[in-house]
């Protein structure tokens, strides 16, 4: 068995799941062992019938022998059911544990992991690879254990019947084992490539389906089809290579196992002719040889499935090996009453060696509003992402109510921040469920309706036939950009956090709706607001406006102060208002 060092931790993890579900596996293993024990009697009954009933004429023994056959048959049926049920049920439970732990682990990883990892790949690991592991650690291992026991048991019985003929039967077994090991090695290498390619196919399909409207809008269906076809062709090539490996080695195993049967038949027949072996013993011996050969024939199939399972173990372990770059504090500081006093103290942030933010300093007292403006790529979103520690700053410090945020537990810190992200994401659920996602179990109907009013959603909801129970499509399909932004805003408002971050949250709204929301936000007393916007109308009432350029604050002040400076902000104002006073 080829087990990579990378997969050892995951193997240990899976074995711990098996131990946890041993109430299923132990009875199943008992049924397996007892079933093998019963199987050993069938060739013996054949020997009795041929040697003593047919040849010796002991007809009274026939009934007992047939009763033995019948008992073994019924016993094998019952035990086979218990074995299959136990291993299958236990295997499914192991898969559930593995998927749950993997999903929980993914939930704990930082934003940067998902920045560089495709959704399709993660879906492939959670579904396809877990299924491969379940099959490998239930059926493959079950059959492997069963085959080993069959091999050892039948070998012992064969030597008890006739040691000379047993040596003949075992003569080719080392060669079969060597071929099986070579098969596993070569198939294992190609299975890893198949696993990777399967993840690429899932990613391509997921991206195409998620962006199907863009594909159709640009008339790029054929381009996407060719891209998907190319991925499938590569996958086909790998699987064809695996089939060729299989086709090269499996016929050799078949040939050698059949040759073993021929050798046993020829040598055994000669022993019968020379009166060194009875006919019944030869028939029984041939049946036991079949039990011996069957595991060798299955070894090829098992090696193939085991190689697929081990390849999946390696891929799963790579996910488990990923650690969050944003770590919990070693000695956390616990605050119970947050006011929302936010301070940036000479904060810089580098990503992949590139400076994203440099020497950022500002203070947002409780209840104040800080607005951030700047061209695309200036670092605005990166700045607000540091507040909830979605990413960690490189130098300097950020303080919340006098405590550096790195000393606060992540969940506690993030409960103090409600954020409307630049990329609005809504779940495929009802409108009410999407909004309540931002709150907790204590959210009342009155608070929900208040958030709808503040986000200028009440009239829109009232016009829907099913109101809040209206189910929206995946990622908010069926809603306009402005409607999605307002839903995301309502979701953030029900969180009741002392810090509210709006990352370009009103860019898709008309001026009238934006004005209504601005009025509602100004009425939010005691909540510190960080607003990223491109419109002067969205930021002009802020207590301080920061202008970012290439990760640095190049201007700061109130609306009137920045106009008086006559620099960047004043230029933006003139461009947007075109001389309107």
Foldseek 3Di string as FASTA:
>chain_A
DDFDPLLVVVVVVLVVLCVVLVVLVVLLVVLLVVLLVLVLCLLVLLLCCVVCCVPVVPVVCNVVSVVSVVVSVVSNVVSVVSNVVSLVVSLVSSLVVLLVVLVVLVVQAFPVVPVPDFPLLVVLLSPVLSVLQSCLVRVLVSVLVSLVVLQVVLLVVLVVLPVVLSCLLCVCVVVLVVLLVVLLVVLLVLLLVLSVLSSVLSRLVVVCVVCVVVCVVVVPPVVSVVVSVVSVVVSVVSVVVNVVSLVVRLVVLVVSLVVSLVRSVVVVVVCCVVVNHPPSSSSSNSVSSCSNSVSSNCSNVSSNSNSNNSSSSSVSSVSVPDDHPQDADPAADDDDDFLFWKWFAQWWADDPNHTQAGGDTDIFGFFAEEEEEEDPSLNQQVVVCCQLPSDDTDDGFMDGPRHTCSRHGSVVSVLQEQEQDPQQFAAQFFLLVRQCVLADPPQDPVLLVLLCQLLVNPVVQVPDPVRRRDGAHGRRPPDDPSVSLSSSSSSRSNSPHQEYEYAQSRVRPDPVSLVSNLVSSNPDGSHYYYYYHLDCVNAQPGQKYFYGGSNYGPDMGHNVVVCVVVPDSVVSVCVVCVPDD
